[in-house]
Amino acid sequence: MSELVTNAVRHTTSPTVICSVRRDGVRVRIEVEDHGNVGEGPVMRDSGTHEVNGRGLLLVDAVCDEWEVAPGRDGVGRIVRAVFRDETA
């Protein structure tokens, strides 16, 4: 969740970022929503060896079962969702 929140805070013009965690059986869904007008994104990128930033979504992709970007609920901004299988359930 911290990676998704960090991305939202760094890359939005919105003063508000909304985070939620939901459990549905053996799946945990994390959502981070901003209301900024920032165009498309986020997207995974191929950062160079010496770059400090740009690997966050690669990490998210590696540890979750699926993730997606969707339009915000009010048609403004976006929601980034990551879904994990709860292996302890």
N, C-alpha and C. Protein backbone atom coordinates (compact mmCIF):
# COMPACT_ATOMS: atom_id res chain seq x y z
N MET A 1 0.82 -1.19 0.00
CA MET A 1 0.00 0.00 0.00
C MET A 1 0.86 1.25 0.00
N SER A 2 1.97 1.21 0.71
CA SER A 2 2.80 2.41 0.79
C SER A 2 3.30 2.86 -0.58
N GLU A 3 3.59 1.93 -1.45
CA GLU A 3 4.05 2.30 -2.80
C GLU A 3 2.94 3.00 -3.58
N LEU A 4 1.73 2.49 -3.51
CA LEU A 4 0.61 3.11 -4.22
C LEU A 4 0.28 4.48 -3.65
N VAL A 5 0.32 4.62 -2.35
CA VAL A 5 0.05 5.92 -1.72
C VAL A 5 1.15 6.91 -2.09
N THR A 6 2.38 6.49 -2.03
CA THR A 6 3.49 7.37 -2.39
C THR A 6 3.35 7.86 -3.82
N ASN A 7 3.02 6.96 -4.74
CA ASN A 7 2.82 7.37 -6.14
C ASN A 7 1.69 8.39 -6.25
N ALA A 8 0.59 8.15 -5.56
CA ALA A 8 -0.54 9.07 -5.63
C ALA A 8 -0.16 10.44 -5.10
N VAL A 9 0.52 10.48 -3.97
CA VAL A 9 0.90 11.76 -3.38
C VAL A 9 1.89 12.51 -4.27
N ARG A 10 2.83 11.80 -4.84
CA ARG A 10 3.87 12.44 -5.66
C ARG A 10 3.37 12.89 -7.03
N HIS A 11 2.38 12.19 -7.59
CA HIS A 11 2.03 12.42 -8.99
C HIS A 11 0.62 12.95 -9.21
N THR A 12 0.01 13.52 -8.20
CA THR A 12 -1.33 14.07 -8.39
C THR A 12 -1.35 15.55 -8.05
N THR A 13 -2.32 16.25 -8.59
CA THR A 13 -2.57 17.64 -8.23
C THR A 13 -3.67 17.73 -7.18
N SER A 14 -4.18 16.59 -6.76
CA SER A 14 -5.27 16.52 -5.80
C SER A 14 -4.77 16.77 -4.38
N PRO A 15 -5.52 17.53 -3.58
CA PRO A 15 -5.14 17.69 -2.18
C PRO A 15 -5.54 16.49 -1.32
N THR A 16 -6.30 15.55 -1.91
CA THR A 16 -6.81 14.41 -1.17
C THR A 16 -6.46 13.11 -1.86
N VAL A 17 -6.00 12.15 -1.07
CA VAL A 17 -5.76 10.79 -1.54
C VAL A 17 -6.53 9.88 -0.59
N ILE A 18 -7.36 9.01 -1.14
CA ILE A 18 -8.21 8.13 -0.34
C ILE A 18 -7.69 6.70 -0.46
N CYS A 19 -7.47 6.05 0.67
CA CYS A 19 -6.96 4.68 0.68
C CYS A 19 -8.00 3.77 1.34
N SER A 20 -8.13 2.58 0.79
CA SER A 20 -9.03 1.61 1.41
C SER A 20 -8.45 0.21 1.26
N VAL A 21 -8.78 -0.64 2.23
CA VAL A 21 -8.40 -2.04 2.20
C VAL A 21 -9.66 -2.84 2.47
N ARG A 22 -9.93 -3.82 1.61
CA ARG A 22 -11.11 -4.67 1.77
C ARG A 22 -10.69 -6.12 1.67
N ARG A 23 -11.35 -6.92 2.45
CA ARG A 23 -11.10 -8.36 2.38
C ARG A 23 -12.36 -9.04 1.85
N ASP A 24 -12.18 -9.89 0.86
CA ASP A 24 -13.29 -10.62 0.26
C ASP A 24 -12.88 -12.09 0.23
N GLY A 25 -13.27 -12.81 1.25
CA GLY A 25 -12.86 -14.22 1.35
C GLY A 25 -11.36 -14.32 1.53
N VAL A 26 -10.68 -14.89 0.55
CA VAL A 26 -9.23 -15.08 0.65
C VAL A 26 -8.46 -14.02 -0.13
N ARG A 27 -9.17 -12.99 -0.59
CA ARG A 27 -8.51 -11.93 -1.36
C ARG A 27 -8.56 -10.61 -0.59
N VAL A 28 -7.49 -9.86 -0.67
CA VAL A 28 -7.40 -8.54 -0.07
C VAL A 28 -7.22 -7.54 -1.21
N ARG A 29 -8.09 -6.52 -1.23
CA ARG A 29 -8.04 -5.51 -2.28
C ARG A 29 -7.62 -4.18 -1.66
N ILE A 30 -6.59 -3.59 -2.21
CA ILE A 30 -6.12 -2.27 -1.81
C ILE A 30 -6.48 -1.29 -2.92
N GLU A 31 -7.08 -0.17 -2.55
CA GLU A 31 -7.41 0.87 -3.51
C GLU A 31 -6.85 2.20 -3.04
N VAL A 32 -6.25 2.94 -3.96
CA VAL A 32 -5.77 4.28 -3.68
C VAL A 32 -6.36 5.18 -4.76
N GLU A 33 -7.12 6.19 -4.32
CA GLU A 33 -7.80 7.08 -5.26
C GLU A 33 -7.35 8.51 -5.05
N ASP A 34 -7.10 9.20 -6.17
CA ASP A 34 -6.84 10.63 -6.10
C ASP A 34 -7.82 11.33 -7.03
N HIS A 35 -7.99 12.62 -6.83
CA HIS A 35 -8.93 13.39 -7.64
C HIS A 35 -8.21 14.40 -8.52
N GLY A 36 -6.93 14.19 -8.75
CA GLY A 36 -6.16 15.10 -9.59
C GLY A 36 -6.43 14.84 -11.07
N ASN A 37 -6.15 15.81 -11.86
CA ASN A 37 -6.29 15.69 -13.31
C ASN A 37 -4.90 15.48 -13.89
N VAL A 38 -4.46 14.23 -13.92
CA VAL A 38 -3.07 13.95 -14.28
C VAL A 38 -2.91 13.13 -15.54
N GLY A 39 -3.99 12.94 -16.30
CA GLY A 39 -3.88 12.16 -17.53
C GLY A 39 -3.79 10.68 -17.23
N GLU A 40 -3.19 9.94 -18.14
CA GLU A 40 -3.10 8.50 -17.93
C GLU A 40 -1.98 8.14 -16.98
N GLY A 41 -1.97 6.90 -16.57
CA GLY A 41 -0.93 6.44 -15.67
C GLY A 41 -1.56 5.85 -14.45
N PRO A 42 -0.83 5.31 -13.54
CA PRO A 42 0.61 5.07 -13.64
C PRO A 42 0.90 3.90 -14.58
N VAL A 43 2.11 3.86 -15.04
CA VAL A 43 2.55 2.77 -15.91
C VAL A 43 3.88 2.24 -15.40
N MET A 44 4.09 0.95 -15.60
CA MET A 44 5.39 0.38 -15.25
C MET A 44 6.41 0.88 -16.26
N ARG A 45 7.60 1.13 -15.79
CA ARG A 45 8.66 1.54 -16.69
C ARG A 45 9.90 0.72 -16.43
N ASP A 46 10.77 0.76 -17.38
CA ASP A 46 12.02 0.01 -17.28
C ASP A 46 13.12 1.00 -16.88
N SER A 47 13.35 1.12 -15.57
CA SER A 47 14.34 2.06 -15.08
C SER A 47 15.74 1.53 -15.28
N GLY A 48 16.64 2.42 -15.54
CA GLY A 48 18.04 2.04 -15.70
C GLY A 48 18.66 1.63 -14.38
N THR A 49 19.77 0.98 -14.46
CA THR A 49 20.45 0.45 -13.28
C THR A 49 20.77 1.53 -12.25
N HIS A 50 21.11 2.73 -12.72
CA HIS A 50 21.55 3.78 -11.80
C HIS A 50 20.45 4.77 -11.44
N GLU A 51 19.23 4.55 -11.93
CA GLU A 51 18.12 5.43 -11.58
C GLU A 51 17.62 5.10 -10.17
N VAL A 52 17.27 6.14 -9.43
CA VAL A 52 16.81 5.97 -8.06
C VAL A 52 15.32 5.63 -8.02
N ASN A 53 14.55 6.18 -8.93
CA ASN A 53 13.09 6.00 -8.93
C ASN A 53 12.65 5.14 -10.11
N GLY A 54 11.37 4.75 -10.09
CA GLY A 54 10.79 4.11 -11.25
C GLY A 54 10.57 2.61 -11.14
N ARG A 55 10.79 2.03 -9.97
CA ARG A 55 10.64 0.59 -9.83
C ARG A 55 9.44 0.18 -8.98
N GLY A 56 8.70 1.14 -8.47
CA GLY A 56 7.61 0.85 -7.55
C GLY A 56 6.55 -0.06 -8.10
N LEU A 57 6.09 0.21 -9.32
CA LEU A 57 5.05 -0.64 -9.89
C LEU A 57 5.58 -2.00 -10.27
N LEU A 58 6.86 -2.10 -10.55
CA LEU A 58 7.45 -3.43 -10.77
C LEU A 58 7.36 -4.25 -9.48
N LEU A 59 7.59 -3.60 -8.34
CA LEU A 59 7.47 -4.28 -7.05
C LEU A 59 6.02 -4.68 -6.78
N VAL A 60 5.09 -3.74 -7.03
CA VAL A 60 3.67 -4.04 -6.82
C VAL A 60 3.27 -5.23 -7.69
N ASP A 61 3.66 -5.20 -8.96
CA ASP A 61 3.33 -6.27 -9.88
C ASP A 61 3.91 -7.61 -9.43
N ALA A 62 5.08 -7.57 -8.83
CA ALA A 62 5.74 -8.81 -8.40
C ALA A 62 5.07 -9.45 -7.19
N VAL A 63 4.46 -8.65 -6.32
CA VAL A 63 3.92 -9.21 -5.08
C VAL A 63 2.41 -9.39 -5.07
N CYS A 64 1.70 -8.77 -6.00
CA CYS A 64 0.24 -8.92 -5.99
C CYS A 64 -0.20 -9.88 -7.09
N ASP A 65 -1.44 -10.33 -6.98
CA ASP A 65 -1.99 -11.23 -7.99
C ASP A 65 -2.43 -10.48 -9.24
N GLU A 66 -2.90 -9.25 -9.06
CA GLU A 66 -3.30 -8.42 -10.19
C GLU A 66 -3.38 -6.97 -9.72
N TRP A 67 -3.21 -6.05 -10.65
CA TRP A 67 -3.41 -4.64 -10.34
C TRP A 67 -3.93 -3.95 -11.58
N GLU A 68 -4.61 -2.83 -11.37
CA GLU A 68 -5.19 -2.10 -12.49
C GLU A 68 -5.34 -0.63 -12.14
N VAL A 69 -5.54 0.16 -13.18
CA VAL A 69 -5.83 1.58 -13.03
C VAL A 69 -7.21 1.81 -13.63
N ALA A 70 -8.07 2.50 -12.89
CA ALA A 70 -9.43 2.78 -13.36
C ALA A 70 -9.73 4.26 -13.14
N PRO A 71 -10.70 4.80 -13.88
CA PRO A 71 -11.10 6.19 -13.65
C PRO A 71 -11.64 6.35 -12.23
N GLY A 72 -11.48 7.55 -11.68
CA GLY A 72 -12.03 7.84 -10.36
C GLY A 72 -13.54 7.72 -10.34
N ARG A 73 -14.10 7.55 -9.16
CA ARG A 73 -15.54 7.32 -9.03
C ARG A 73 -16.38 8.47 -9.57
N ASP A 74 -15.89 9.68 -9.48
CA ASP A 74 -16.64 10.84 -9.97
C ASP A 74 -16.20 11.23 -11.38
N GLY A 75 -15.44 10.36 -12.04
CA GLY A 75 -14.95 10.67 -13.37
C GLY A 75 -13.74 11.59 -13.36
N VAL A 76 -13.22 11.87 -12.19
CA VAL A 76 -12.05 12.73 -12.04
C VAL A 76 -10.97 11.94 -11.33
N GLY A 77 -9.75 12.08 -11.78
CA GLY A 77 -8.66 11.36 -11.14
C GLY A 77 -8.67 9.90 -11.52
N ARG A 78 -8.13 9.08 -10.61
CA ARG A 78 -8.04 7.65 -10.90
C ARG A 78 -7.98 6.84 -9.62
N ILE A 79 -8.22 5.55 -9.80
CA ILE A 79 -8.11 4.58 -8.71
C ILE A 79 -7.10 3.54 -9.16
N VAL A 80 -6.15 3.25 -8.30
CA VAL A 80 -5.20 2.17 -8.55
C VAL A 80 -5.55 1.06 -7.57
N ARG A 81 -5.83 -0.13 -8.09
CA ARG A 81 -6.21 -1.28 -7.27
C ARG A 81 -5.14 -2.35 -7.37
N ALA A 82 -4.88 -2.97 -6.26
CA ALA A 82 -4.00 -4.15 -6.23
C ALA A 82 -4.73 -5.22 -5.42
N VAL A 83 -4.71 -6.45 -5.94
CA VAL A 83 -5.40 -7.55 -5.29
C VAL A 83 -4.38 -8.63 -4.92
N PHE A 84 -4.47 -9.08 -3.68
CA PHE A 84 -3.56 -10.09 -3.14
C PHE A 84 -4.37 -11.25 -2.62
N ARG A 85 -3.86 -12.43 -2.76
CA ARG A 85 -4.47 -13.61 -2.13
C ARG A 85 -3.93 -13.70 -0.72
N ASP A 86 -4.81 -13.81 0.25
CA ASP A 86 -4.43 -13.93 1.66
C ASP A 86 -4.03 -15.38 1.92
N GLU A 87 -2.76 -15.63 1.98
CA GLU A 87 -2.26 -16.99 2.16
C GLU A 87 -2.49 -17.51 3.57
N THR A 88 -2.86 -16.62 4.50
CA THR A 88 -3.09 -17.08 5.88
C THR A 88 -4.53 -17.54 6.08
N ALA A 89 -5.41 -17.25 5.11
CA ALA A 89 -6.83 -17.59 5.27
C ALA A 89 -7.07 -19.07 5.02
